């Protein structure tokens, strides 16, 4: 069981979070606080249905990050070379 994860969701300074690749990835998105809000809600309510507003806010943040990242990658790609066999 993973109840130790939910025992203290507001303690974001734990060493195991620093080593967790998922936590690191979420931190890089700028959406970490929203992720923690979901964890806190889940710890309090023990029912994901009670946390839908937090889930939606986190989802929106992640989608915005992905959209910005995709645009950033697109701008850094060299222009595609089309064949001259026309």
PDB file of N, CA and C in Angstrom:
ATOM      1  N   UNK A   1       0.840  -1.186   0.000  1.00  0.00           N
ATOM      2  CA  UNK A   1       0.000   0.000   0.000  1.00  0.00           C
ATOM      3  C   UNK A   1       0.883   1.247   0.000  1.00  0.00           C
ATOM      4  N   UNK A   2       0.397   2.343  -0.495  1.00  0.00           N
ATOM      5  CA  UNK A   2       1.182   3.554  -0.621  1.00  0.00           C
ATOM      6  C   UNK A   2       0.669   4.665   0.282  1.00  0.00           C
ATOM      7  N   UNK A   3       0.131   4.325   1.424  1.00  0.00           N
ATOM      8  CA  UNK A   3      -0.458   5.312   2.321  1.00  0.00           C
ATOM      9  C   UNK A   3       0.573   6.283   2.871  1.00  0.00           C
ATOM     10  N   UNK A   4       1.854   5.890   2.928  1.00  0.00           N
ATOM     11  CA  UNK A   4       2.866   6.815   3.428  1.00  0.00           C
ATOM     12  C   UNK A   4       2.948   8.061   2.548  1.00  0.00           C
ATOM     13  N   UNK A   5       2.603   7.958   1.294  1.00  0.00           N
ATOM     14  CA  UNK A   5       2.627   9.079   0.362  1.00  0.00           C
ATOM     15  C   UNK A   5       1.553  10.102   0.726  1.00  0.00           C
ATOM     16  N   UNK A   6       0.410   9.615   1.193  1.00  0.00           N
ATOM     17  CA  UNK A   6      -0.697  10.494   1.507  1.00  0.00           C
ATOM     18  C   UNK A   6      -0.674  10.964   2.957  1.00  0.00           C
ATOM     19  N   UNK A   7       0.198  10.419   3.771  1.00  0.00           N
ATOM     20  CA  UNK A   7       0.204  10.734   5.194  1.00  0.00           C
ATOM     21  C   UNK A   7       0.461  12.214   5.444  1.00  0.00           C
ATOM     22  N   UNK A   8       1.353  12.810   4.693  1.00  0.00           N
ATOM     23  CA  UNK A   8       1.684  14.212   4.890  1.00  0.00           C
ATOM     24  C   UNK A   8       1.923  14.887   3.540  1.00  0.00           C
ATOM     25  N   UNK A   9       0.884  15.113   2.778  1.00  0.00           N
ATOM     26  CA  UNK A   9       1.063  15.638   1.419  1.00  0.00           C
ATOM     27  C   UNK A   9       1.597  17.053   1.380  1.00  0.00           C
ATOM     28  N   UNK A  10       1.487  17.804   2.463  1.00  0.00           N
ATOM     29  CA  UNK A  10       1.962  19.178   2.461  1.00  0.00           C
ATOM     30  C   UNK A  10       3.449  19.283   2.782  1.00  0.00           C
ATOM     31  N   UNK A  11       4.094  18.168   3.112  1.00  0.00           N
ATOM     32  CA  UNK A  11       5.523  18.160   3.370  1.00  0.00           C
ATOM     33  C   UNK A  11       6.252  17.915   2.054  1.00  0.00           C
ATOM     34  N   UNK A  12       6.576  18.997   1.338  1.00  0.00           N
ATOM     35  CA  UNK A  12       7.190  18.902   0.016  1.00  0.00           C
ATOM     36  C   UNK A  12       8.708  18.908   0.097  1.00  0.00           C
ATOM     37  N   UNK A  13       9.258  18.853   1.281  1.00  0.00           N
ATOM     38  CA  UNK A  13      10.709  18.920   1.431  1.00  0.00           C
ATOM     39  C   UNK A  13      11.326  17.552   1.690  1.00  0.00           C
ATOM     40  N   UNK A  14      10.542  16.511   1.600  1.00  0.00           N
ATOM     41  CA  UNK A  14      11.061  15.174   1.878  1.00  0.00           C
ATOM     42  C   UNK A  14      12.101  14.768   0.845  1.00  0.00           C
ATOM     43  N   UNK A  15      13.100  14.024   1.291  1.00  0.00           N
ATOM     44  CA  UNK A  15      14.190  13.588   0.417  1.00  0.00           C
ATOM     45  C   UNK A  15      13.692  12.684  -0.703  1.00  0.00           C
ATOM     46  N   UNK A  16      12.713  11.822  -0.422  1.00  0.00           N
ATOM     47  CA  UNK A  16      12.256  10.895  -1.463  1.00  0.00           C
ATOM     48  C   UNK A  16      11.614  11.623  -2.631  1.00  0.00           C
ATOM     49  N   UNK A  17      11.036  12.815  -2.419  1.00  0.00           N
ATOM     50  CA  UNK A  17      10.481  13.596  -3.522  1.00  0.00           C
ATOM     51  C   UNK A  17      11.585  14.081  -4.454  1.00  0.00           C
ATOM     52  N   UNK A  18      12.753  14.383  -3.886  1.00  0.00           N
ATOM     53  CA  UNK A  18      13.851  14.876  -4.706  1.00  0.00           C
ATOM     54  C   UNK A  18      14.354  13.798  -5.660  1.00  0.00           C
ATOM     55  N   UNK A  19      14.228  12.541  -5.264  1.00  0.00           N
ATOM     56  CA  UNK A  19      14.704  11.438  -6.085  1.00  0.00           C
ATOM     57  C   UNK A  19      13.626  10.882  -7.008  1.00  0.00           C
ATOM     58  N   UNK A  20      12.406  11.290  -6.834  1.00  0.00           N
ATOM     59  CA  UNK A  20      11.277  10.771  -7.603  1.00  0.00           C
ATOM     60  C   UNK A  20      11.241  11.451  -8.971  1.00  0.00           C
ATOM     61  N   UNK A  21      11.434  10.690 -10.051  1.00  0.00           N
ATOM     62  CA  UNK A  21      11.451  11.317 -11.385  1.00  0.00           C
ATOM     63  C   UNK A  21      10.120  11.977 -11.755  1.00  0.00           C
ATOM     64  N   UNK A  22       9.012  11.448 -11.256  1.00  0.00           N
ATOM     65  CA  UNK A  22       7.713  12.067 -11.544  1.00  0.00           C
ATOM     66  C   UNK A  22       7.634  13.429 -10.862  1.00  0.00           C
ATOM     67  N   UNK A  23       8.054  13.500  -9.611  1.00  0.00           N
ATOM     68  CA  UNK A  23       8.059  14.783  -8.895  1.00  0.00           C
ATOM     69  C   UNK A  23       8.969  15.783  -9.609  1.00  0.00           C
ATOM     70  N   UNK A  24      10.110  15.319 -10.079  1.00  0.00           N
ATOM     71  CA  UNK A  24      11.027  16.205 -10.795  1.00  0.00           C
ATOM     72  C   UNK A  24      10.399  16.724 -12.080  1.00  0.00           C
ATOM     73  N   UNK A  25       9.730  15.836 -12.815  1.00  0.00           N
ATOM     74  CA  UNK A  25       9.086  16.234 -14.065  1.00  0.00           C
ATOM     75  C   UNK A  25       7.983  17.263 -13.799  1.00  0.00           C
ATOM     76  N   UNK A  26       7.169  17.016 -12.793  1.00  0.00           N
ATOM     77  CA  UNK A  26       6.074  17.940 -12.482  1.00  0.00           C
ATOM     78  C   UNK A  26       6.640  19.285 -12.037  1.00  0.00           C
ATOM     79  N   UNK A  27       7.713  19.271 -11.277  1.00  0.00           N
ATOM     80  CA  UNK A  27       8.331  20.522 -10.832  1.00  0.00           C
ATOM     81  C   UNK A  27       8.786  21.370 -12.021  1.00  0.00           C
ATOM     82  N   UNK A  28       9.291  20.720 -13.056  1.00  0.00           N
ATOM     83  CA  UNK A  28       9.767  21.457 -14.233  1.00  0.00           C
ATOM     84  C   UNK A  28       8.623  22.094 -15.026  1.00  0.00           C
ATOM     85  N   UNK A  29       7.411  21.633 -14.836  1.00  0.00           N
ATOM     86  CA  UNK A  29       6.287  22.171 -15.603  1.00  0.00           C
ATOM     87  C   UNK A  29       5.746  23.467 -15.013  1.00  0.00           C
ATOM     88  N   UNK A  30       6.053  23.729 -13.748  1.00  0.00           N
ATOM     89  CA  UNK A  30       5.467  24.881 -13.072  1.00  0.00           C
ATOM     90  C   UNK A  30       4.109  24.566 -12.460  1.00  0.00           C
ATOM     91  N   UNK A  31       3.714  23.298 -12.493  1.00  0.00           N
ATOM     92  CA  UNK A  31       2.395  22.881 -12.003  1.00  0.00           C
ATOM     93  C   UNK A  31       2.474  22.121 -10.680  1.00  0.00           C
ATOM     94  N   UNK A  32       3.623  22.132 -10.032  1.00  0.00           N
ATOM     95  CA  UNK A  32       3.824  21.310  -8.827  1.00  0.00           C
ATOM     96  C   UNK A  32       2.843  21.666  -7.713  1.00  0.00           C
ATOM     97  N   UNK A  33       2.625  22.936  -7.470  1.00  0.00           N
ATOM     98  CA  UNK A  33       1.721  23.321  -6.374  1.00  0.00           C
ATOM     99  C   UNK A  33       0.300  22.810  -6.625  1.00  0.00           C
ATOM    100  N   UNK A  34      -0.101  22.779  -7.882  1.00  0.00           N
ATOM    101  CA  UNK A  34      -1.429  22.256  -8.211  1.00  0.00           C
ATOM    102  C   UNK A  34      -1.477  20.749  -7.996  1.00  0.00           C
ATOM    103  N   UNK A  35      -0.384  20.078  -8.282  1.00  0.00           N
ATOM    104  CA  UNK A  35      -0.286  18.640  -8.029  1.00  0.00           C
ATOM    105  C   UNK A  35      -0.389  18.369  -6.529  1.00  0.00           C
ATOM    106  N   UNK A  36       0.311  19.180  -5.742  1.00  0.00           N
ATOM    107  CA  UNK A  36       0.243  19.027  -4.288  1.00  0.00           C
ATOM    108  C   UNK A  36      -1.170  19.299  -3.774  1.00  0.00           C
ATOM    109  N   UNK A  37      -1.878  20.231  -4.405  1.00  0.00           N
ATOM    110  CA  UNK A  37      -3.257  20.521  -3.993  1.00  0.00           C
ATOM    111  C   UNK A  37      -4.139  19.291  -4.190  1.00  0.00           C
ATOM    112  N   UNK A  38      -3.915  18.553  -5.275  1.00  0.00           N
ATOM    113  CA  UNK A  38      -4.663  17.310  -5.496  1.00  0.00           C
ATOM    114  C   UNK A  38      -4.332  16.311  -4.398  1.00  0.00           C
ATOM    115  N   UNK A  39      -3.046  16.164  -4.094  1.00  0.00           N
ATOM    116  CA  UNK A  39      -2.651  15.230  -3.042  1.00  0.00           C
ATOM    117  C   UNK A  39      -3.280  15.593  -1.702  1.00  0.00           C
ATOM    118  N   UNK A  40      -3.290  16.865  -1.381  1.00  0.00           N
ATOM    119  CA  UNK A  40      -3.880  17.309  -0.114  1.00  0.00           C
ATOM    120  C   UNK A  40      -5.383  17.054  -0.093  1.00  0.00           C
ATOM    121  N   UNK A  41      -6.043  17.333  -1.203  1.00  0.00           N
ATOM    122  CA  UNK A  41      -7.478  17.086  -1.298  1.00  0.00           C
ATOM    123  C   UNK A  41      -7.779  15.607  -1.129  1.00  0.00           C
ATOM    124  N   UNK A  42      -6.997  14.772  -1.805  1.00  0.00           N
ATOM    125  CA  UNK A  42      -7.201  13.324  -1.704  1.00  0.00           C
ATOM    126  C   UNK A  42      -6.953  12.822  -0.283  1.00  0.00           C
ATOM    127  N   UNK A  43      -5.937  13.382   0.375  1.00  0.00           N
ATOM    128  CA  UNK A  43      -5.653  12.976   1.757  1.00  0.00           C
ATOM    129  C   UNK A  43      -6.811  13.369   2.676  1.00  0.00           C
ATOM    130  N   UNK A  44      -7.397  14.516   2.398  1.00  0.00           N
ATOM    131  CA  UNK A  44      -8.496  14.996   3.242  1.00  0.00           C
ATOM    132  C   UNK A  44      -9.798  14.251   2.978  1.00  0.00           C
ATOM    133  N   UNK A  45     -10.138  14.066   1.703  1.00  0.00           N
ATOM    134  CA  UNK A  45     -11.459  13.519   1.349  1.00  0.00           C
ATOM    135  C   UNK A  45     -11.469  12.023   1.061  1.00  0.00           C
ATOM    136  N   UNK A  46     -10.313  11.472   0.690  1.00  0.00           N
ATOM    137  CA  UNK A  46     -10.219  10.053   0.326  1.00  0.00           C
ATOM    138  C   UNK A  46     -11.200   9.681  -0.791  1.00  0.00           C
ATOM    139  N   UNK A  47     -11.501  10.639  -1.648  1.00  0.00           N
ATOM    140  CA  UNK A  47     -12.448  10.419  -2.748  1.00  0.00           C
ATOM    141  C   UNK A  47     -12.096  11.380  -3.877  1.00  0.00           C
ATOM    142  N   UNK A  48     -11.609  10.833  -4.991  1.00  0.00           N
ATOM    143  CA  UNK A  48     -11.183  11.677  -6.102  1.00  0.00           C
ATOM    144  C   UNK A  48     -12.303  12.551  -6.647  1.00  0.00           C
ATOM    145  N   UNK A  49     -13.550  12.111  -6.484  1.00  0.00           N
ATOM    146  CA  UNK A  49     -14.677  12.907  -6.999  1.00  0.00           C
ATOM    147  C   UNK A  49     -14.807  14.240  -6.279  1.00  0.00           C
ATOM    148  N   UNK A  50     -14.336  14.296  -5.043  1.00  0.00           N
ATOM    149  CA  UNK A  50     -14.398  15.539  -4.271  1.00  0.00           C
ATOM    150  C   UNK A  50     -13.299  16.515  -4.685  1.00  0.00           C
ATOM    151  N   UNK A  51     -12.384  16.064  -5.528  1.00  0.00           N
ATOM    152  CA  UNK A  51     -11.213  16.867  -5.894  1.00  0.00           C
ATOM    153  C   UNK A  51     -11.205  17.256  -7.367  1.00  0.00           C
ATOM    154  N   UNK A  52     -12.347  17.239  -8.002  1.00  0.00           N
ATOM    155  CA  UNK A  52     -12.391  17.479  -9.449  1.00  0.00           C
ATOM    156  C   UNK A  52     -11.935  18.874  -9.841  1.00  0.00           C
ATOM    157  N   UNK A  53     -12.194  19.885  -9.031  1.00  0.00           N
ATOM    158  CA  UNK A  53     -11.737  21.227  -9.409  1.00  0.00           C
ATOM    159  C   UNK A  53     -10.210  21.302  -9.386  1.00  0.00           C
ATOM    160  N   UNK A  54      -9.586  20.646  -8.396  1.00  0.00           N
ATOM    161  CA  UNK A  54      -8.124  20.616  -8.340  1.00  0.00           C
ATOM    162  C   UNK A  54      -7.554  19.829  -9.519  1.00  0.00           C
ATOM    163  N   UNK A  55      -8.190  18.719  -9.849  1.00  0.00           N
ATOM    164  CA  UNK A  55      -7.733  17.902 -10.982  1.00  0.00           C
ATOM    165  C   UNK A  55      -7.831  18.711 -12.276  1.00  0.00           C
ATOM    166  N   UNK A  56      -8.924  19.412 -12.473  1.00  0.00           N
ATOM    167  CA  UNK A  56      -9.106  20.195 -13.698  1.00  0.00           C
ATOM    168  C   UNK A  56      -8.082  21.329 -13.793  1.00  0.00           C
ATOM    169  N   UNK A  57      -7.817  21.998 -12.683  1.00  0.00           N
ATOM    170  CA  UNK A  57      -6.835  23.075 -12.679  1.00  0.00           C
ATOM    171  C   UNK A  57      -5.446  22.545 -13.008  1.00  0.00           C
ATOM    172  N   UNK A  58      -5.087  21.395 -12.431  1.00  0.00           N
ATOM    173  CA  UNK A  58      -3.803  20.767 -12.720  1.00  0.00           C
ATOM    174  C   UNK A  58      -3.733  20.348 -14.188  1.00  0.00           C
ATOM    175  N   UNK A  59      -4.808  19.773 -14.683  1.00  0.00           N
ATOM    176  CA  UNK A  59      -4.860  19.340 -16.081  1.00  0.00           C
ATOM    177  C   UNK A  59      -4.668  20.541 -17.014  1.00  0.00           C
ATOM    178  N   UNK A  60      -5.339  21.644 -16.727  1.00  0.00           N
ATOM    179  CA  UNK A  60      -5.196  22.843 -17.550  1.00  0.00           C
ATOM    180  C   UNK A  60      -3.759  23.357 -17.542  1.00  0.00           C
ATOM    181  N   UNK A  61      -3.145  23.347 -16.363  1.00  0.00           N
ATOM    182  CA  UNK A  61      -1.757  23.786 -16.249  1.00  0.00           C
ATOM    183  C   UNK A  61      -0.841  22.902 -17.085  1.00  0.00           C
ATOM    184  N   UNK A  62      -1.013  21.595 -16.965  1.00  0.00           N
ATOM    185  CA  UNK A  62      -0.175  20.661 -17.722  1.00  0.00           C
ATOM    186  C   UNK A  62      -0.394  20.814 -19.225  1.00  0.00           C
ATOM    187  N   UNK A  63      -1.627  21.011 -19.638  1.00  0.00           N
ATOM    188  CA  UNK A  63      -1.910  21.186 -21.069  1.00  0.00           C
ATOM    189  C   UNK A  63      -1.261  22.463 -21.590  1.00  0.00           C
ATOM    190  N   UNK A  64      -1.321  23.532 -20.801  1.00  0.00           N
ATOM    191  CA  UNK A  64      -0.670  24.782 -21.202  1.00  0.00           C
ATOM    192  C   UNK A  64       0.835  24.604 -21.309  1.00  0.00           C
ATOM    193  N   UNK A  65       1.417  23.873 -20.365  1.00  0.00           N
ATOM    194  CA  UNK A  65       2.854  23.608 -20.427  1.00  0.00           C
ATOM    195  C   UNK A  65       3.192  22.812 -21.682  1.00  0.00           C
ATOM    196  N   UNK A  66       2.415  21.757 -21.955  1.00  0.00           N
ATOM    197  CA  UNK A  66       2.693  20.920 -23.123  1.00  0.00           C
ATOM    198  C   UNK A  66       2.557  21.714 -24.415  1.00  0.00           C
ATOM    199  N   UNK A  67       1.553  22.578 -24.476  1.00  0.00           N
ATOM    200  CA  UNK A  67       1.351  23.395 -25.674  1.00  0.00           C
ATOM    201  C   UNK A  67       2.532  24.353 -25.873  1.00  0.00           C
ATOM    202  N   UNK A  68       2.970  24.990 -24.793  1.00  0.00           N
ATOM    203  CA  UNK A  68       4.104  25.910 -24.884  1.00  0.00           C
ATOM    204  C   UNK A  68       5.384  25.153 -25.248  1.00  0.00           C
ATOM    205  N   UNK A  69       5.553  23.974 -24.683  1.00  0.00           N
ATOM    206  CA  UNK A  69       6.749  23.165 -24.965  1.00  0.00           C
ATOM    207  C   UNK A  69       6.755  22.721 -26.425  1.00  0.00           C
ATOM    208  N   UNK A  70       5.608  22.300 -26.921  1.00  0.00           N
ATOM    209  CA  UNK A  70       5.515  21.881 -28.322  1.00  0.00           C
ATOM    210  C   UNK A  70       5.849  23.051 -29.251  1.00  0.00           C
ATOM    211  N   UNK A  71       5.351  24.230 -28.927  1.00  0.00           N
ATOM    212  CA  UNK A  71       5.626  25.414 -29.742  1.00  0.00           C
ATOM    213  C   UNK A  71       7.116  25.761 -29.680  1.00  0.00           C
ATOM    214  N   UNK A  72       7.693  25.649 -28.484  1.00  0.00           N
ATOM    215  CA  UNK A  72       9.116  25.924 -28.324  1.00  0.00           C
ATOM    216  C   UNK A  72       9.957  24.955 -29.162  1.00  0.00           C
ATOM    217  N   UNK A  73       9.616  23.691 -29.142  1.00  0.00           N
ATOM    218  CA  UNK A  73      10.344  22.700 -29.931  1.00  0.00           C
ATOM    219  C   UNK A  73      10.162  22.938 -31.426  1.00  0.00           C
ATOM    220  N   UNK A  74       8.947  23.305 -31.817  1.00  0.00           N
ATOM    221  CA  UNK A  74       8.668  23.567 -33.225  1.00  0.00           C
ATOM    222  C   UNK A  74       9.502  24.739 -33.738  1.00  0.00           C
ATOM    223  N   UNK A  75       9.658  25.764 -32.933  1.00  0.00           N
ATOM    224  CA  UNK A  75      10.425  26.937 -33.351  1.00  0.00           C
ATOM    225  C   UNK A  75      11.918  26.635 -33.460  1.00  0.00           C
ATOM    226  N   UNK A  76      12.392  25.634 -32.740  1.00  0.00           N
ATOM    227  CA  UNK A  76      13.816  25.314 -32.753  1.00  0.00           C
ATOM    228  C   UNK A  76      14.180  24.260 -33.793  1.00  0.00           C
ATOM    229  N   UNK A  77      13.196  23.724 -34.506  1.00  0.00           N
ATOM    230  CA  UNK A  77      13.486  22.738 -35.549  1.00  0.00           C
ATOM    231  C   UNK A  77      13.969  23.460 -36.794  1.00  0.00           C
ATOM    232  N   UNK A  78      14.950  22.873 -37.474  1.00  0.00           N
ATOM    233  CA  UNK A  78      15.364  23.473 -38.753  1.00  0.00           C
ATOM    234  C   UNK A  78      14.223  23.319 -39.761  1.00  0.00           C
ATOM    235  N   UNK A  79      14.134  24.237 -40.694  1.00  0.00           N
ATOM    236  CA  UNK A  79      13.078  24.125 -41.702  1.00  0.00           C
ATOM    237  C   UNK A  79      13.224  22.828 -42.475  1.00  0.00           C
ATOM    238  N   UNK A  80      12.103  22.205 -42.750  1.00  0.00           N
ATOM    239  CA  UNK A  80      12.158  20.937 -43.487  1.00  0.00           C
ATOM    240  C   UNK A  80      12.604  21.200 -44.915  1.00  0.00           C
ATOM    241  N   UNK A  81      13.409  20.317 -45.413  1.00  0.00           N
ATOM    242  CA  UNK A  81      13.899  20.474 -46.781  1.00  0.00           C
ATOM    243  C   UNK A  81      13.012  19.638 -47.695  1.00  0.00           C
ATOM    244  N   UNK A  82      12.440  20.297 -48.670  1.00  0.00           N
ATOM    245  CA  UNK A  82      11.588  19.591 -49.628  1.00  0.00           C
ATOM    246  C   UNK A  82      12.446  19.161 -50.804  1.00  0.00           C
ATOM    247  N   UNK A  83      12.128  18.016 -51.337  1.00  0.00           N
ATOM    248  CA  UNK A  83      12.920  17.523 -52.476  1.00  0.00           C
ATOM    249  C   UNK A  83      12.650  18.388 -53.700  1.00  0.00           C
ATOM    250  N   UNK A  84      13.648  18.538 -54.505  1.00  0.00           N
ATOM    251  CA  UNK A  84      13.548  19.373 -55.698  1.00  0.00           C
ATOM    252  C   UNK A  84      13.028  18.585 -56.891  1.00  0.00           C
ATOM    253  N   UNK A  85      12.486  17.413 -56.653  1.00  0.00           N
ATOM    254  CA  UNK A  85      11.989  16.564 -57.750  1.00  0.00           C
ATOM    255  C   UNK A  85      10.557  16.904 -58.091  1.00  0.00           C
ATOM    256  N   UNK A  86      10.293  18.144 -58.450  1.00  0.00           N
ATOM    257  CA  UNK A  86       8.925  18.548 -58.785  1.00  0.00           C
ATOM    258  C   UNK A  86       8.762  18.626 -60.278  1.00  0.00           C
TER     259      UNK A  86
END
